Amino acid sequence: MKTTVHAVLRVSTLERSLDFYARLFDIRIRVRTDEWAELEAGGTKLLFVKKENEEVRNKVIPIPSFPPSCYLGVETDDLDSFHSRMVSLGARCIQAPFKQKNGDRTAIYTDPDGLALQVTEFDKSEV
């Protein structure tokens, strides 16, 4: 059985979020409509749905309300360059890059809608 997992992000402004993520990951939009869009990054699909359309969609097919307890996890081999890119894109840095006890380096940012991105550079001495 083949299974594919993707993340769905509810965004306030589709164009702004698409621009942010396409520039961040240097990828192109795979599918785009007025209501939603899909980007593919490293084998992972990111689907973006306009928030205001959820009210209309709920009248046809109710969508459960999910708690905002998720974040996107991103792995990079150069956290300093990634940090510079995030800052240049106007992302809010919640936690500047720091070294964890296990040697990995981590930083936390938010996207234009406030969704957290935890970015990790794994300890290269362990490889």
N, C-alpha and C. Protein backbone atom coordinates (compact mmCIF):
# COMPACT_ATOMS: atom_id res chain seq x y z
N MET A 1 0.84 -1.17 0.00
CA MET A 1 0.00 0.00 0.00
C MET A 1 0.89 1.24 0.00
N LYS A 2 0.63 2.13 -0.94
CA LYS A 2 1.38 3.38 -1.00
C LYS A 2 0.63 4.44 -0.20
N THR A 3 1.35 5.18 0.62
CA THR A 3 0.76 6.24 1.44
C THR A 3 1.62 7.49 1.30
N THR A 4 0.96 8.62 1.20
CA THR A 4 1.65 9.90 1.11
C THR A 4 1.13 10.80 2.23
N VAL A 5 2.03 11.48 2.90
CA VAL A 5 1.66 12.40 3.96
C VAL A 5 1.97 13.81 3.49
N HIS A 6 1.06 14.73 3.76
CA HIS A 6 1.31 16.12 3.42
C HIS A 6 0.79 17.01 4.55
N ALA A 7 1.27 18.23 4.56
CA ALA A 7 0.82 19.20 5.55
C ALA A 7 -0.13 20.18 4.89
N VAL A 8 -1.20 20.54 5.60
CA VAL A 8 -2.15 21.53 5.12
C VAL A 8 -2.05 22.75 6.02
N LEU A 9 -1.79 23.90 5.43
CA LEU A 9 -1.65 25.13 6.17
C LEU A 9 -2.82 26.05 5.83
N ARG A 10 -3.54 26.48 6.85
CA ARG A 10 -4.63 27.44 6.66
C ARG A 10 -4.02 28.82 6.74
N VAL A 11 -4.14 29.60 5.67
CA VAL A 11 -3.46 30.88 5.59
C VAL A 11 -4.46 32.01 5.35
N SER A 12 -4.12 33.18 5.85
CA SER A 12 -5.02 34.32 5.68
C SER A 12 -4.91 34.93 4.29
N THR A 13 -3.71 34.92 3.74
CA THR A 13 -3.49 35.49 2.41
C THR A 13 -2.69 34.49 1.59
N LEU A 14 -3.35 33.85 0.66
CA LEU A 14 -2.73 32.79 -0.13
C LEU A 14 -1.49 33.28 -0.86
N GLU A 15 -1.59 34.39 -1.54
CA GLU A 15 -0.46 34.90 -2.33
C GLU A 15 0.76 35.16 -1.46
N ARG A 16 0.55 35.78 -0.29
CA ARG A 16 1.67 36.10 0.61
C ARG A 16 2.36 34.83 1.10
N SER A 17 1.58 33.84 1.50
CA SER A 17 2.16 32.60 2.00
C SER A 17 2.88 31.83 0.90
N LEU A 18 2.29 31.79 -0.28
CA LEU A 18 2.95 31.10 -1.40
C LEU A 18 4.28 31.76 -1.73
N ASP A 19 4.29 33.07 -1.75
CA ASP A 19 5.53 33.80 -2.04
C ASP A 19 6.58 33.50 -0.97
N PHE A 20 6.17 33.53 0.30
CA PHE A 20 7.10 33.28 1.41
C PHE A 20 7.72 31.89 1.30
N TYR A 21 6.90 30.85 1.18
CA TYR A 21 7.42 29.48 1.17
C TYR A 21 8.15 29.14 -0.13
N ALA A 22 7.68 29.66 -1.26
CA ALA A 22 8.37 29.40 -2.53
C ALA A 22 9.76 30.01 -2.50
N ARG A 23 9.88 31.21 -1.94
CA ARG A 23 11.20 31.85 -1.84
C ARG A 23 12.06 31.19 -0.77
N LEU A 24 11.45 30.81 0.34
CA LEU A 24 12.20 30.19 1.43
C LEU A 24 12.85 28.89 0.98
N PHE A 25 12.07 28.03 0.34
CA PHE A 25 12.58 26.72 -0.07
C PHE A 25 13.04 26.69 -1.53
N ASP A 26 12.99 27.84 -2.21
CA ASP A 26 13.41 27.94 -3.61
C ASP A 26 12.71 26.88 -4.47
N ILE A 27 11.37 26.88 -4.37
CA ILE A 27 10.56 25.91 -5.11
C ILE A 27 9.44 26.62 -5.85
N ARG A 28 8.86 25.92 -6.80
CA ARG A 28 7.76 26.48 -7.58
C ARG A 28 6.43 25.91 -7.11
N ILE A 29 5.39 26.64 -7.43
CA ILE A 29 4.04 26.19 -7.13
C ILE A 29 3.69 25.07 -8.10
N ARG A 30 3.21 23.94 -7.57
CA ARG A 30 2.85 22.80 -8.40
C ARG A 30 1.43 22.92 -8.93
N VAL A 31 0.49 23.31 -8.07
CA VAL A 31 -0.92 23.46 -8.43
C VAL A 31 -1.41 24.75 -7.77
N ARG A 32 -2.27 25.50 -8.49
CA ARG A 32 -2.79 26.74 -7.93
C ARG A 32 -4.21 26.98 -8.43
N THR A 33 -5.12 27.26 -7.50
CA THR A 33 -6.47 27.70 -7.83
C THR A 33 -6.71 28.98 -7.03
N ASP A 34 -7.89 29.53 -7.13
CA ASP A 34 -8.22 30.71 -6.32
C ASP A 34 -8.40 30.35 -4.85
N GLU A 35 -8.68 29.09 -4.56
CA GLU A 35 -8.99 28.64 -3.21
C GLU A 35 -7.83 27.99 -2.47
N TRP A 36 -6.92 27.35 -3.20
CA TRP A 36 -5.84 26.61 -2.56
C TRP A 36 -4.67 26.48 -3.53
N ALA A 37 -3.53 26.02 -3.00
CA ALA A 37 -2.35 25.81 -3.83
C ALA A 37 -1.49 24.73 -3.18
N GLU A 38 -0.59 24.19 -3.97
CA GLU A 38 0.29 23.12 -3.49
C GLU A 38 1.72 23.40 -3.93
N LEU A 39 2.62 23.27 -2.97
CA LEU A 39 4.06 23.34 -3.23
C LEU A 39 4.64 21.99 -2.89
N GLU A 40 5.70 21.60 -3.57
CA GLU A 40 6.37 20.35 -3.24
C GLU A 40 7.82 20.68 -2.91
N ALA A 41 8.25 20.25 -1.72
CA ALA A 41 9.60 20.53 -1.24
C ALA A 41 10.23 19.27 -0.71
N GLY A 42 11.26 18.80 -1.37
CA GLY A 42 12.00 17.63 -0.88
C GLY A 42 11.14 16.41 -0.67
N GLY A 43 10.17 16.18 -1.54
CA GLY A 43 9.31 15.02 -1.42
C GLY A 43 8.12 15.22 -0.50
N THR A 44 8.01 16.39 0.11
CA THR A 44 6.89 16.72 0.98
C THR A 44 6.00 17.73 0.29
N LYS A 45 4.69 17.52 0.38
CA LYS A 45 3.76 18.47 -0.21
C LYS A 45 3.23 19.39 0.87
N LEU A 46 3.21 20.68 0.57
CA LEU A 46 2.60 21.67 1.44
C LEU A 46 1.38 22.20 0.71
N LEU A 47 0.20 22.01 1.30
CA LEU A 47 -1.03 22.53 0.72
C LEU A 47 -1.45 23.76 1.51
N PHE A 48 -1.84 24.79 0.80
CA PHE A 48 -2.25 26.04 1.40
C PHE A 48 -3.71 26.28 1.07
N VAL A 49 -4.54 26.52 2.10
CA VAL A 49 -5.97 26.75 1.94
C VAL A 49 -6.28 28.11 2.54
N LYS A 50 -7.03 28.92 1.81
CA LYS A 50 -7.42 30.23 2.32
C LYS A 50 -8.39 30.07 3.49
N LYS A 51 -8.12 30.72 4.60
CA LYS A 51 -8.94 30.61 5.80
C LYS A 51 -10.38 31.02 5.57
N GLU A 52 -10.60 32.10 4.84
CA GLU A 52 -11.98 32.59 4.69
C GLU A 52 -12.86 31.60 3.96
N ASN A 53 -12.29 30.67 3.23
CA ASN A 53 -13.08 29.68 2.50
C ASN A 53 -13.55 28.54 3.40
N GLU A 54 -13.01 28.43 4.59
CA GLU A 54 -13.40 27.34 5.48
C GLU A 54 -14.86 27.48 5.92
N GLU A 55 -15.33 28.72 6.10
CA GLU A 55 -16.73 28.91 6.51
C GLU A 55 -17.67 28.37 5.44
N VAL A 56 -17.38 28.66 4.20
CA VAL A 56 -18.20 28.16 3.09
C VAL A 56 -18.10 26.64 3.02
N ARG A 57 -16.91 26.12 3.14
CA ARG A 57 -16.70 24.67 3.04
C ARG A 57 -17.37 23.94 4.20
N ASN A 58 -17.39 24.53 5.38
CA ASN A 58 -18.02 23.90 6.54
C ASN A 58 -19.52 23.71 6.36
N LYS A 59 -20.15 24.53 5.54
CA LYS A 59 -21.57 24.38 5.29
C LYS A 59 -21.86 23.13 4.47
N VAL A 60 -20.89 22.70 3.68
CA VAL A 60 -21.05 21.51 2.84
C VAL A 60 -20.48 20.28 3.55
N ILE A 61 -19.23 20.38 3.97
CA ILE A 61 -18.55 19.29 4.68
C ILE A 61 -17.90 19.90 5.92
N PRO A 62 -18.44 19.63 7.10
CA PRO A 62 -17.86 20.23 8.30
C PRO A 62 -16.39 19.85 8.47
N ILE A 63 -15.56 20.84 8.74
CA ILE A 63 -14.14 20.62 9.01
C ILE A 63 -13.93 20.82 10.50
N PRO A 64 -13.35 19.84 11.18
CA PRO A 64 -13.15 20.01 12.62
C PRO A 64 -12.17 21.14 12.91
N SER A 65 -12.35 21.75 14.05
CA SER A 65 -11.42 22.78 14.48
C SER A 65 -10.26 22.11 15.20
N PHE A 66 -9.05 22.41 14.78
CA PHE A 66 -7.86 21.80 15.37
C PHE A 66 -7.16 22.81 16.25
N PRO A 67 -6.59 22.37 17.34
CA PRO A 67 -5.82 23.30 18.18
C PRO A 67 -4.55 23.73 17.46
N PRO A 68 -4.08 24.94 17.72
CA PRO A 68 -2.88 25.42 17.04
C PRO A 68 -1.61 24.88 17.69
N SER A 69 -1.54 23.59 17.85
CA SER A 69 -0.40 23.00 18.56
C SER A 69 0.59 22.32 17.62
N CYS A 70 0.53 22.63 16.36
CA CYS A 70 1.48 22.01 15.44
C CYS A 70 2.48 23.05 14.95
N TYR A 71 3.56 22.56 14.37
CA TYR A 71 4.57 23.42 13.78
C TYR A 71 5.21 22.65 12.65
N LEU A 72 5.89 23.34 11.77
CA LEU A 72 6.63 22.68 10.70
C LEU A 72 8.04 22.43 11.18
N GLY A 73 8.53 21.22 11.01
CA GLY A 73 9.90 20.88 11.31
C GLY A 73 10.71 20.90 10.03
N VAL A 74 11.82 21.59 10.06
CA VAL A 74 12.67 21.73 8.88
C VAL A 74 14.08 21.31 9.27
N GLU A 75 14.71 20.51 8.42
CA GLU A 75 16.11 20.13 8.63
C GLU A 75 16.96 20.85 7.60
N THR A 76 18.11 21.34 8.02
CA THR A 76 19.03 22.02 7.10
C THR A 76 20.46 21.61 7.45
N ASP A 77 21.34 21.73 6.47
CA ASP A 77 22.75 21.44 6.74
C ASP A 77 23.54 22.73 7.00
N ASP A 78 22.85 23.89 6.98
CA ASP A 78 23.51 25.17 7.22
C ASP A 78 22.52 26.13 7.89
N LEU A 79 22.42 26.05 9.19
CA LEU A 79 21.45 26.85 9.93
C LEU A 79 21.75 28.35 9.83
N ASP A 80 23.01 28.72 9.77
CA ASP A 80 23.34 30.14 9.68
C ASP A 80 22.81 30.74 8.38
N SER A 81 22.99 30.05 7.26
CA SER A 81 22.47 30.53 5.98
C SER A 81 20.94 30.53 5.99
N PHE A 82 20.35 29.48 6.57
CA PHE A 82 18.89 29.41 6.66
C PHE A 82 18.36 30.57 7.49
N HIS A 83 19.03 30.85 8.60
CA HIS A 83 18.64 31.97 9.47
C HIS A 83 18.67 33.29 8.68
N SER A 84 19.72 33.52 7.94
CA SER A 84 19.83 34.74 7.14
C SER A 84 18.70 34.84 6.12
N ARG A 85 18.36 33.72 5.52
CA ARG A 85 17.28 33.69 4.53
C ARG A 85 15.94 34.03 5.19
N MET A 86 15.69 33.42 6.36
CA MET A 86 14.44 33.68 7.07
C MET A 86 14.32 35.16 7.43
N VAL A 87 15.38 35.73 7.95
CA VAL A 87 15.36 37.14 8.34
C VAL A 87 15.15 38.03 7.11
N SER A 88 15.79 37.69 5.98
CA SER A 88 15.63 38.50 4.77
C SER A 88 14.21 38.42 4.23
N LEU A 89 13.50 37.32 4.51
CA LEU A 89 12.12 37.17 4.07
C LEU A 89 11.13 37.82 5.05
N GLY A 90 11.64 38.36 6.13
CA GLY A 90 10.78 39.05 7.09
C GLY A 90 10.16 38.14 8.12
N ALA A 91 10.65 36.91 8.24
CA ALA A 91 10.11 35.99 9.25
C ALA A 91 10.51 36.48 10.64
N ARG A 92 9.62 36.25 11.58
CA ARG A 92 9.91 36.61 12.97
C ARG A 92 10.74 35.50 13.60
N CYS A 93 11.87 35.86 14.18
CA CYS A 93 12.73 34.88 14.85
C CYS A 93 12.31 34.82 16.32
N ILE A 94 11.80 33.66 16.73
CA ILE A 94 11.35 33.45 18.11
C ILE A 94 12.51 33.01 18.98
N GLN A 95 13.36 32.14 18.42
CA GLN A 95 14.54 31.64 19.14
C GLN A 95 15.71 31.64 18.16
N ALA A 96 16.67 32.49 18.40
CA ALA A 96 17.85 32.55 17.54
C ALA A 96 18.58 31.20 17.58
N PRO A 97 19.36 30.90 16.55
CA PRO A 97 20.09 29.62 16.54
C PRO A 97 20.89 29.42 17.82
N PHE A 98 20.73 28.22 18.39
CA PHE A 98 21.47 27.88 19.60
C PHE A 98 21.84 26.40 19.55
N LYS A 99 22.87 26.04 20.30
CA LYS A 99 23.35 24.66 20.34
C LYS A 99 22.68 23.93 21.50
N GLN A 100 22.08 22.80 21.18
CA GLN A 100 21.44 21.98 22.20
C GLN A 100 22.48 21.10 22.88
N LYS A 101 22.09 20.47 23.98
CA LYS A 101 23.02 19.60 24.72
C LYS A 101 23.53 18.45 23.88
N ASN A 102 22.71 17.97 22.93
CA ASN A 102 23.13 16.84 22.09
C ASN A 102 24.02 17.26 20.92
N GLY A 103 24.30 18.57 20.79
CA GLY A 103 25.17 19.05 19.73
C GLY A 103 24.42 19.60 18.52
N ASP A 104 23.15 19.28 18.38
CA ASP A 104 22.35 19.83 17.28
C ASP A 104 22.15 21.32 17.51
N ARG A 105 21.97 22.06 16.43
CA ARG A 105 21.64 23.48 16.51
C ARG A 105 20.20 23.68 16.06
N THR A 106 19.46 24.53 16.75
CA THR A 106 18.04 24.73 16.48
C THR A 106 17.71 26.22 16.52
N ALA A 107 16.72 26.60 15.74
CA ALA A 107 16.16 27.95 15.78
C ALA A 107 14.66 27.84 15.52
N ILE A 108 13.91 28.84 15.96
CA ILE A 108 12.46 28.82 15.77
C ILE A 108 12.02 30.17 15.20
N TYR A 109 11.16 30.09 14.19
CA TYR A 109 10.65 31.27 13.50
C TYR A 109 9.14 31.13 13.36
N THR A 110 8.48 32.21 12.89
CA THR A 110 7.08 32.10 12.52
C THR A 110 6.91 32.59 11.08
N ASP A 111 5.96 31.97 10.39
CA ASP A 111 5.66 32.35 9.01
C ASP A 111 4.70 33.56 9.04
N PRO A 112 4.27 34.05 7.89
CA PRO A 112 3.40 35.23 7.88
C PRO A 112 2.09 35.09 8.66
N ASP A 113 1.60 33.85 8.86
CA ASP A 113 0.37 33.64 9.63
C ASP A 113 0.64 33.24 11.07
N GLY A 114 1.89 33.24 11.48
CA GLY A 114 2.22 32.91 12.85
C GLY A 114 2.50 31.43 13.12
N LEU A 115 2.48 30.60 12.08
CA LEU A 115 2.81 29.18 12.25
C LEU A 115 4.30 29.04 12.54
N ALA A 116 4.63 28.27 13.55
CA ALA A 116 6.03 28.10 13.93
C ALA A 116 6.76 27.15 12.99
N LEU A 117 8.01 27.46 12.74
CA LEU A 117 8.92 26.59 12.00
C LEU A 117 10.11 26.34 12.91
N GLN A 118 10.33 25.08 13.28
CA GLN A 118 11.51 24.73 14.07
C GLN A 118 12.53 24.18 13.09
N VAL A 119 13.66 24.84 13.03
CA VAL A 119 14.70 24.49 12.05
C VAL A 119 15.88 23.90 12.80
N THR A 120 16.34 22.73 12.34
CA THR A 120 17.41 22.02 13.02
C THR A 120 18.55 21.70 12.07
N GLU A 121 19.75 21.93 12.55
CA GLU A 121 20.97 21.48 11.87
C GLU A 121 21.57 20.42 12.79
N PHE A 122 21.58 19.17 12.32
CA PHE A 122 22.08 18.08 13.15
C PHE A 122 23.57 18.18 13.35
N ASP A 123 24.03 17.71 14.50
CA ASP A 123 25.44 17.73 14.86
C ASP A 123 26.25 16.96 13.82
N LYS A 124 27.14 17.65 13.13
CA LYS A 124 27.94 17.02 12.08
C LYS A 124 29.03 16.12 12.62
N SER A 125 29.41 16.29 13.88
CA SER A 125 30.45 15.44 14.45
C SER A 125 29.96 14.03 14.71
N GLU A 126 28.63 13.84 14.73
CA GLU A 126 28.03 12.53 14.98
C GLU A 126 27.99 11.66 13.72
N VAL A 127 28.20 12.28 12.56
CA VAL A 127 28.06 11.56 11.28
C VAL A 127 29.27 10.72 11.01
